[in-house]
Amino acid sequence: MASTALDAPATDYQARLLLAALDAPQRRIPSDAKPRTLTIMRLRQWVRPVPRERSGSSIPSNVRHWTLTHHGVTTANRTRTARLA
């Protein structure tokens, strides 16, 4: 099982998502992110879901997109610094 520690190191894939979100408008995670990865990142408090607006349509998921939390921004900055070193 994945570690839920806030200071756990990001995998290469997670780091790519974090850095892409750090550079994206509104700190959004790319839409091609794998659901299992998003679950792990949510447990580590790096991302949070932004729910869809309630409508009459039947939407399979109520998550519109994922965005970075302040822990996610900290981890992304730490990852960027490590890659530059």
C-alpha atoms as a PDB file:
ATOM      1  CA  MET A   1       0.000   0.000   0.000  1.00  0.00           C
ATOM      2  CA  ALA A   2       1.185   3.504  -0.771  1.00  0.00           C
ATOM      3  CA  SER A   3       2.518   5.760   1.918  1.00  0.00           C
ATOM      4  CA  THR A   4       0.166   8.559   2.902  1.00  0.00           C
ATOM      5  CA  ALA A   5       2.888  10.740   4.392  1.00  0.00           C
ATOM      6  CA  LEU A   6       2.823  14.349   3.246  1.00  0.00           C
ATOM      7  CA  ASP A   7       6.570  14.348   2.732  1.00  0.00           C
ATOM      8  CA  ALA A   8       6.684  11.076   0.771  1.00  0.00           C
ATOM      9  CA  PRO A   9       8.713  11.374  -2.424  1.00  0.00           C
ATOM     10  CA  ALA A  10       6.806  11.544  -5.679  1.00  0.00           C
ATOM     11  CA  THR A  11       7.298   8.867  -8.317  1.00  0.00           C
ATOM     12  CA  ASP A  12       8.415   9.987 -11.772  1.00  0.00           C
ATOM     13  CA  TYR A  13       4.820   9.880 -13.045  1.00  0.00           C
ATOM     14  CA  GLN A  14       3.482  11.767 -10.024  1.00  0.00           C
ATOM     15  CA  ALA A  15       6.279  14.320 -10.374  1.00  0.00           C
ATOM     16  CA  ARG A  16       5.348  14.878 -14.031  1.00  0.00           C
ATOM     17  CA  LEU A  17       1.725  15.492 -13.049  1.00  0.00           C
ATOM     18  CA  LEU A  18       2.663  17.794 -10.172  1.00  0.00           C
ATOM     19  CA  LEU A  19       5.003  19.887 -12.304  1.00  0.00           C
ATOM     20  CA  ALA A  20       2.456  20.111 -15.132  1.00  0.00           C
ATOM     21  CA  ALA A  21      -0.185  21.291 -12.648  1.00  0.00           C
ATOM     22  CA  LEU A  22       2.215  23.787 -11.095  1.00  0.00           C
ATOM     23  CA  ASP A  23       2.626  25.425 -14.513  1.00  0.00           C
ATOM     24  CA  ALA A  24      -1.058  25.131 -15.495  1.00  0.00           C
ATOM     25  CA  PRO A  25      -3.737  27.766 -15.019  1.00  0.00           C
ATOM     26  CA  GLN A  26      -5.639  27.218 -11.772  1.00  0.00           C
ATOM     27  CA  ARG A  27      -3.131  24.484 -10.772  1.00  0.00           C
ATOM     28  CA  ARG A  28      -5.118  21.747 -12.570  1.00  0.00           C
ATOM     29  CA  ILE A  29      -3.814  18.193 -12.852  1.00  0.00           C
ATOM     30  CA  PRO A  30      -3.679  17.024 -16.507  1.00  0.00           C
ATOM     31  CA  SER A  31      -6.824  15.182 -17.562  1.00  0.00           C
ATOM     32  CA  ASP A  32      -4.876  12.085 -18.655  1.00  0.00           C
ATOM     33  CA  ALA A  33      -3.883  11.234 -15.060  1.00  0.00           C
ATOM     34  CA  LYS A  34      -4.527   7.648 -13.992  1.00  0.00           C
ATOM     35  CA  PRO A  35      -7.290   7.161 -11.394  1.00  0.00           C
ATOM     36  CA  ARG A  36      -5.076   5.068  -9.083  1.00  0.00           C
ATOM     37  CA  THR A  37      -2.400   7.769  -9.129  1.00  0.00           C
ATOM     38  CA  LEU A  38      -4.988  10.427  -8.307  1.00  0.00           C
ATOM     39  CA  THR A  39      -6.197   8.324  -5.383  1.00  0.00           C
ATOM     40  CA  ILE A  40      -2.662   8.032  -4.002  1.00  0.00           C
ATOM     41  CA  MET A  41      -2.042  11.746  -4.515  1.00  0.00           C
ATOM     42  CA  ARG A  42      -5.350  12.559  -2.784  1.00  0.00           C
ATOM     43  CA  LEU A  43      -4.400  10.362   0.197  1.00  0.00           C
ATOM     44  CA  ARG A  44      -1.107  12.254   0.427  1.00  0.00           C
ATOM     45  CA  GLN A  45      -3.164  15.488   0.367  1.00  0.00           C
ATOM     46  CA  TRP A  46      -1.390  16.739  -2.767  1.00  0.00           C
ATOM     47  CA  VAL A  47      -4.580  17.138  -4.827  1.00  0.00           C
ATOM     48  CA  ARG A  48      -8.252  17.696  -4.235  1.00  0.00           C
ATOM     49  CA  PRO A  49     -11.229  17.084  -6.493  1.00  0.00           C
ATOM     50  CA  VAL A  50     -13.268  19.981  -7.817  1.00  0.00           C
ATOM     51  CA  PRO A  51     -16.843  18.720  -8.168  1.00  0.00           C
ATOM     52  CA  ARG A  52     -19.054  19.333 -11.154  1.00  0.00           C
ATOM     53  CA  GLU A  53     -21.982  21.666 -10.899  1.00  0.00           C
ATOM     54  CA  ARG A  54     -25.157  19.791 -10.150  1.00  0.00           C
ATOM     55  CA  SER A  55     -27.243  19.328 -13.262  1.00  0.00           C
ATOM     56  CA  GLY A  56     -30.056  17.110 -14.406  1.00  0.00           C
ATOM     57  CA  SER A  57     -27.799  15.014 -16.612  1.00  0.00           C
ATOM     58  CA  SER A  58     -26.483  11.662 -15.537  1.00  0.00           C
ATOM     59  CA  ILE A  59     -22.737  12.141 -15.198  1.00  0.00           C
ATOM     60  CA  PRO A  60     -20.734   9.013 -14.344  1.00  0.00           C
ATOM     61  CA  SER A  61     -18.365  10.942 -12.090  1.00  0.00           C
ATOM     62  CA  ASN A  62     -19.046  14.057 -10.087  1.00  0.00           C
ATOM     63  CA  VAL A  63     -15.398  15.209 -10.333  1.00  0.00           C
ATOM     64  CA  ARG A  64     -14.842  17.951 -12.903  1.00  0.00           C
ATOM     65  CA  HIS A  65     -11.075  18.154 -12.430  1.00  0.00           C
ATOM     66  CA  TRP A  66      -8.328  17.820  -9.842  1.00  0.00           C
ATOM     67  CA  THR A  67      -6.290  20.708  -8.499  1.00  0.00           C
ATOM     68  CA  LEU A  68      -3.209  21.042  -6.317  1.00  0.00           C
ATOM     69  CA  THR A  69      -3.479  21.708  -2.598  1.00  0.00           C
ATOM     70  CA  HIS A  70      -0.832  23.699  -0.745  1.00  0.00           C
ATOM     71  CA  HIS A  71       0.863  20.374   0.088  1.00  0.00           C
ATOM     72  CA  GLY A  72       0.874  19.555  -3.629  1.00  0.00           C
ATOM     73  CA  VAL A  73       2.448  22.903  -4.487  1.00  0.00           C
ATOM     74  CA  THR A  74       5.121  22.332  -1.827  1.00  0.00           C
ATOM     75  CA  THR A  75       5.864  18.845  -3.169  1.00  0.00           C
ATOM     76  CA  ALA A  76       5.959  20.113  -6.772  1.00  0.00           C
ATOM     77  CA  ASN A  77       8.396  22.878  -5.820  1.00  0.00           C
ATOM     78  CA  ARG A  78      10.535  20.388  -3.896  1.00  0.00           C
ATOM     79  CA  THR A  79      10.536  18.091  -6.943  1.00  0.00           C
ATOM     80  CA  ARG A  80      11.484  20.924  -9.292  1.00  0.00           C
ATOM     81  CA  THR A  81      14.350  21.980  -7.003  1.00  0.00           C
ATOM     82  CA  ALA A  82      15.631  18.388  -6.801  1.00  0.00           C
ATOM     83  CA  ARG A  83      15.573  18.044 -10.591  1.00  0.00           C
ATOM     84  CA  LEU A  84      17.489  21.292 -11.061  1.00  0.00           C
ATOM     85  CA  ALA A  85      20.201  20.291  -8.584  1.00  0.00           C
END
